C-alpha atoms as a PDB file:
ATOM      1  CA  MET A   1      22.758  32.857  34.978  1.00  0.00           C
ATOM      2  CA  ASP A   2      20.768  36.043  34.553  1.00  0.00           C
ATOM      3  CA  ILE A   3      17.055  35.338  35.114  1.00  0.00           C
ATOM      4  CA  GLN A   4      15.936  38.535  33.402  1.00  0.00           C
ATOM      5  CA  ARG A   5      17.913  37.791  30.235  1.00  0.00           C
ATOM      6  CA  LEU A   6      16.684  34.193  30.207  1.00  0.00           C
ATOM      7  CA  SER A   7      13.093  35.396  30.504  1.00  0.00           C
ATOM      8  CA  MET A   8      13.547  37.846  27.627  1.00  0.00           C
ATOM      9  CA  ASP A   9      15.153  35.176  25.449  1.00  0.00           C
ATOM     10  CA  MET A  10      12.303  32.770  26.145  1.00  0.00           C
ATOM     11  CA  ALA A  11       9.715  35.440  25.336  1.00  0.00           C
ATOM     12  CA  GLN A  12      11.499  36.277  22.085  1.00  0.00           C
ATOM     13  CA  THR A  13      11.662  32.599  21.117  1.00  0.00           C
ATOM     14  CA  ARG A  14       7.956  32.194  21.872  1.00  0.00           C
ATOM     15  CA  LEU A  15       7.138  35.233  19.716  1.00  0.00           C
ATOM     16  CA  GLN A  16       9.264  33.899  16.848  1.00  0.00           C
ATOM     17  CA  ASP A  17       7.430  30.575  17.044  1.00  0.00           C
ATOM     18  CA  GLN A  18       4.045  32.327  16.982  1.00  0.00           C
ATOM     19  CA  VAL A  19       5.030  34.493  14.010  1.00  0.00           C
ATOM     20  CA  GLY A  20       6.370  31.478  12.133  1.00  0.00           C
ATOM     21  CA  THR A  21       3.146  29.577  12.746  1.00  0.00           C
ATOM     22  CA  LYS A  22       1.049  32.508  11.530  1.00  0.00           C
ATOM     23  CA  VAL A  23       3.139  32.916   8.370  1.00  0.00           C
ATOM     24  CA  MET A  24       2.810  29.201   7.612  1.00  0.00           C
ATOM     25  CA  SER A  25      -0.949  29.442   8.165  1.00  0.00           C
ATOM     26  CA  ILE A  26      -1.200  32.317   5.695  1.00  0.00           C
ATOM     27  CA  ALA A  27       0.930  30.448   3.134  1.00  0.00           C
ATOM     28  CA  LEU A  28      -1.243  27.350   3.522  1.00  0.00           C
ATOM     29  CA  GLY A  29      -4.397  29.398   2.956  1.00  0.00           C
ATOM     30  CA  GLN A  30      -2.946  30.931  -0.186  1.00  0.00           C
ATOM     31  CA  ALA A  31      -1.857  27.535  -1.492  1.00  0.00           C
ATOM     32  CA  LYS A  32      -5.382  26.199  -0.964  1.00  0.00           C
ATOM     33  CA  GLU A  33      -6.879  29.156  -2.839  1.00  0.00           C
ATOM     34  CA  GLN A  34      -4.428  28.752  -5.721  1.00  0.00           C
ATOM     35  CA  SER A  35      -5.068  25.031  -6.009  1.00  0.00           C
ATOM     36  CA  ALA A  36      -8.826  25.611  -6.037  1.00  0.00           C
ATOM     37  CA  ALA A  37      -8.404  28.209  -8.782  1.00  0.00           C
ATOM     38  CA  LEU A  38      -6.197  25.837 -10.777  1.00  0.00           C
ATOM     39  CA  LEU A  39      -8.744  23.029 -10.494  1.00  0.00           C
ATOM     40  CA  LYS A  40     -11.487  25.400 -11.638  1.00  0.00           C
ATOM     41  CA  LEU A  41      -9.363  26.469 -14.607  1.00  0.00           C
ATOM     42  CA  MET A  42      -8.595  22.873 -15.565  1.00  0.00           C
ATOM     43  CA  ASP A  43     -12.262  21.899 -15.336  1.00  0.00           C
ATOM     44  CA  SER A  44     -13.262  24.813 -17.552  1.00  0.00           C
ATOM     45  CA  ALA A  45     -10.880  23.818 -20.362  1.00  0.00           C
ATOM     46  CA  ASN A  46     -12.799  22.502 -23.362  1.00  0.00           C
ATOM     47  CA  LEU A  47     -10.667  19.859 -25.020  1.00  0.00           C
ATOM     48  CA  PRO A  48     -11.745  18.506 -28.393  1.00  0.00           C
ATOM     49  CA  ALA A  49     -12.870  14.897 -28.454  1.00  0.00           C
ATOM     50  CA  VAL A  50     -10.634  12.417 -30.278  1.00  0.00           C
ATOM     51  CA  THR A  51     -12.589  11.121 -33.267  1.00  0.00           C
ATOM     52  CA  ASP A  52      -9.900   8.979 -34.937  1.00  0.00           C
ATOM     53  CA  PRO A  53      -9.843   5.533 -33.253  1.00  0.00           C
ATOM     54  CA  ALA A  54      -6.413   4.711 -34.726  1.00  0.00           C
ATOM     55  CA  LEU A  55      -4.810   7.810 -33.239  1.00  0.00           C
ATOM     56  CA  GLY A  56      -2.051   6.866 -30.813  1.00  0.00           C
ATOM     57  CA  ASN A  57      -1.874   3.181 -31.708  1.00  0.00           C
ATOM     58  CA  GLN A  58       1.594   3.382 -33.260  1.00  0.00           C
ATOM     59  CA  VAL A  59       4.813   4.883 -32.001  1.00  0.00           C
ATOM     60  CA  ASN A  60       7.688   5.756 -34.349  1.00  0.00           C
ATOM     61  CA  LEU A  61      11.129   5.098 -32.846  1.00  0.00           C
ATOM     62  CA  LEU A  62      14.341   6.401 -34.389  1.00  0.00           C
ATOM     63  CA  VAL A  63      17.350   4.240 -33.607  1.00  0.00           C
END
């Protein structure tokens, strides 16, 4: 077994693991930012209040 080749393979594997971890960290940060923006957008939506108390009490089913 070639020690030099084994060392290079291990170093390359370690680098790939580090890069993968960094990419996942960046993706997680972006997902957190997007979810915060979505929550802010949903909170800012002004929905009209339902004034009819009978609204939604009946369901029409077609058989």
